[in-house]
Amino acid sequence: MPSLRYGALEALYDIRESGLVRPAVEKFAGAWLACFLVMARGNVLAAFSFEHARLASICGTVGAIVTVALLAQMDRTKDSVLRSATIGATATFIGDIFAHPSHFPPQWAEPAVTAAVSAGIAIVVWYAKRLAKTARSKPRMDRQTTH
């Protein structure tokens, strides 16, 4: 008979690995950072304002909602860097359109640049998670004992 403690831990593992909360948080952070950086147009110090943070939060929130809507329809047992970058770019593009009008013409240019930055962030995060997972699974030589 499985214990309650084992069942609770197993449920927590399921939420983290195959649920929708973790990808939504990751895409929110990626969209927020991309929107914040692109709005600043290179002048990061000028971007530290409540208004920029608010607009980036709107972009990130809409991006997280779009991510959940897309992932709810997909097979989440398989993961790829291409899918992560595509979802990140699509969600951020839509989020940036909702957040504010473009700062330069044409209207789609700034959301497209923000989406490209978000896709780059998604690629870096995907490879970092993969690297961390392989580092955890490899046994360390100093902990091995020989008999």
Protein backbone atom coordinates (compact mmCIF):
# COMPACT_ATOMS: atom_id res chain seq x y z
CA MET A 1 0.00 0.00 0.00
CA PRO A 2 1.53 3.35 -0.99
CA SER A 3 1.98 5.82 1.81
CA LEU A 4 0.39 9.26 1.83
CA ARG A 5 3.81 10.86 1.91
CA TYR A 6 4.95 9.03 -1.22
CA GLY A 7 1.72 9.98 -3.01
CA ALA A 8 2.11 13.66 -2.14
CA LEU A 9 5.71 13.72 -3.33
CA GLU A 10 4.77 11.92 -6.51
CA ALA A 11 2.01 14.49 -7.17
CA LEU A 12 4.46 17.35 -6.60
CA TYR A 13 6.89 15.77 -9.06
CA ASP A 14 4.11 15.49 -11.62
CA ILE A 15 3.20 19.16 -11.24
CA ARG A 16 6.80 20.24 -11.74
CA GLU A 17 7.66 18.02 -14.68
CA SER A 18 4.56 17.55 -16.79
CA GLY A 19 2.18 20.20 -15.47
CA LEU A 20 1.45 23.61 -16.87
CA VAL A 21 2.63 25.78 -13.98
CA ARG A 22 6.37 25.49 -14.59
CA PRO A 23 6.24 26.25 -18.35
CA ALA A 24 3.89 29.16 -17.67
CA VAL A 25 6.30 30.65 -15.12
CA GLU A 26 9.25 30.12 -17.46
CA LYS A 27 7.48 31.75 -20.40
CA PHE A 28 6.27 34.62 -18.19
CA ALA A 29 9.86 35.29 -17.11
CA GLY A 30 11.19 35.00 -20.66
CA ALA A 31 8.51 37.29 -22.09
CA TRP A 32 8.93 39.77 -19.24
CA LEU A 33 12.69 39.95 -19.67
CA ALA A 34 12.51 40.16 -23.47
CA CYS A 35 9.86 42.88 -23.37
CA PHE A 36 11.80 44.80 -20.72
CA LEU A 37 15.03 44.67 -22.72
CA VAL A 38 13.51 45.54 -26.10
CA MET A 39 11.46 48.44 -24.71
CA ALA A 40 14.67 49.87 -23.27
CA ARG A 41 16.27 49.80 -26.75
CA GLY A 42 19.70 49.26 -25.23
CA ASN A 43 19.38 51.85 -22.45
CA VAL A 44 18.69 49.47 -19.57
CA LEU A 45 19.10 52.13 -16.87
CA ALA A 46 16.32 54.22 -18.40
CA ALA A 47 14.06 51.17 -18.44
CA PHE A 48 13.95 50.87 -14.64
CA SER A 49 10.61 52.54 -14.20
CA PHE A 50 7.25 51.41 -12.91
CA GLU A 51 5.69 51.91 -16.34
CA HIS A 52 8.21 49.66 -18.10
CA ALA A 53 7.82 46.99 -15.41
CA ARG A 54 4.02 47.19 -15.73
CA LEU A 55 4.08 46.83 -19.51
CA ALA A 56 6.55 43.94 -19.30
CA SER A 57 4.29 42.29 -16.70
CA ILE A 58 1.30 42.55 -19.04
CA CYS A 59 3.39 41.04 -21.84
CA GLY A 60 4.57 38.23 -19.55
CA THR A 61 1.09 37.49 -18.20
CA VAL A 62 -0.47 37.28 -21.64
CA GLY A 63 2.50 35.18 -22.77
CA ALA A 64 1.98 32.75 -19.87
CA ILE A 65 -1.73 32.44 -20.67
CA VAL A 66 -0.98 31.77 -24.35
CA THR A 67 1.63 29.20 -23.31
CA VAL A 68 -0.87 27.33 -21.13
CA ALA A 69 -3.47 27.45 -23.92
CA LEU A 70 -0.98 26.01 -26.42
CA LEU A 71 0.52 23.37 -24.11
CA ALA A 72 -2.90 22.16 -22.96
CA GLN A 73 -3.50 20.97 -26.52
CA MET A 74 -0.07 19.35 -27.04
CA ASP A 75 1.64 16.14 -26.07
CA ARG A 76 3.80 17.28 -23.15
CA THR A 77 5.70 14.00 -22.80
CA LYS A 78 8.11 15.07 -25.54
CA ASP A 79 10.11 18.25 -25.32
CA SER A 80 12.33 19.91 -27.87
CA VAL A 81 14.28 23.13 -28.12
CA LEU A 82 12.42 24.06 -31.30
CA ARG A 83 9.02 23.72 -29.62
CA SER A 84 10.18 25.70 -26.60
CA ALA A 85 11.53 28.53 -28.76
CA THR A 86 8.44 28.56 -30.99
CA ILE A 87 6.04 28.71 -28.05
CA GLY A 88 8.16 31.38 -26.38
CA ALA A 89 8.26 33.51 -29.53
CA THR A 90 4.54 33.10 -30.30
CA ALA A 91 3.44 33.79 -26.73
CA THR A 92 5.70 36.83 -26.44
CA PHE A 93 4.62 38.21 -29.82
CA ILE A 94 0.97 38.06 -28.76
CA GLY A 95 1.77 39.39 -25.28
CA ASP A 96 3.71 42.35 -26.66
CA ILE A 97 0.87 43.26 -29.00
CA PHE A 98 -1.53 43.28 -26.03
CA ALA A 99 0.85 45.19 -23.74
CA HIS A 100 1.44 48.37 -25.72
CA PRO A 101 1.60 49.88 -29.22
CA SER A 102 4.89 49.57 -31.02
CA HIS A 103 7.46 52.28 -30.39
CA PHE A 104 8.54 52.30 -34.04
CA PRO A 105 6.85 51.45 -37.36
CA PRO A 106 5.62 49.08 -38.69
CA GLN A 107 3.28 47.95 -35.91
CA TRP A 108 4.55 44.35 -35.93
CA ALA A 109 8.27 45.20 -35.82
CA GLU A 110 8.76 45.63 -32.08
CA PRO A 111 6.70 42.53 -31.18
CA ALA A 112 8.75 40.56 -33.73
CA VAL A 113 12.04 41.70 -32.20
CA THR A 114 10.72 40.96 -28.71
CA ALA A 115 9.61 37.50 -29.87
CA ALA A 116 13.07 36.80 -31.30
CA VAL A 117 14.72 37.81 -28.02
CA SER A 118 12.26 35.62 -26.11
CA ALA A 119 13.01 32.67 -28.38
CA GLY A 120 16.71 33.15 -27.65
CA ILE A 121 15.99 33.18 -23.93
CA ALA A 122 13.89 30.02 -24.29
CA ILE A 123 16.75 28.26 -26.09
CA VAL A 124 19.25 29.22 -23.38
CA VAL A 125 16.86 28.06 -20.62
CA TRP A 126 16.14 24.78 -22.43
CA TYR A 127 19.84 23.92 -22.75
CA ALA A 128 20.55 25.08 -19.16
CA LYS A 129 17.82 22.76 -17.83
CA ARG A 130 19.20 19.90 -19.89
CA LEU A 131 22.73 20.57 -18.65
CA ALA A 132 21.55 20.73 -15.04
CA LYS A 133 19.66 17.47 -15.44
CA THR A 134 22.72 15.65 -16.80
CA ALA A 135 24.94 17.14 -14.09
CA ARG A 136 22.57 15.80 -11.41
CA SER A 137 22.42 12.34 -12.92
CA LYS A 138 26.19 11.80 -13.22
CA PRO A 139 27.82 10.34 -10.10
CA ARG A 140 30.66 12.36 -8.69
CA MET A 141 34.03 10.65 -8.53
CA ASP A 142 34.90 11.89 -5.03
CA ARG A 143 31.76 10.27 -3.56
CA GLN A 144 32.36 6.83 -5.02
CA THR A 145 33.89 4.27 -2.78
CA THR A 146 36.01 1.40 -3.96
CA HIS A 147 36.12 -1.95 -2.22
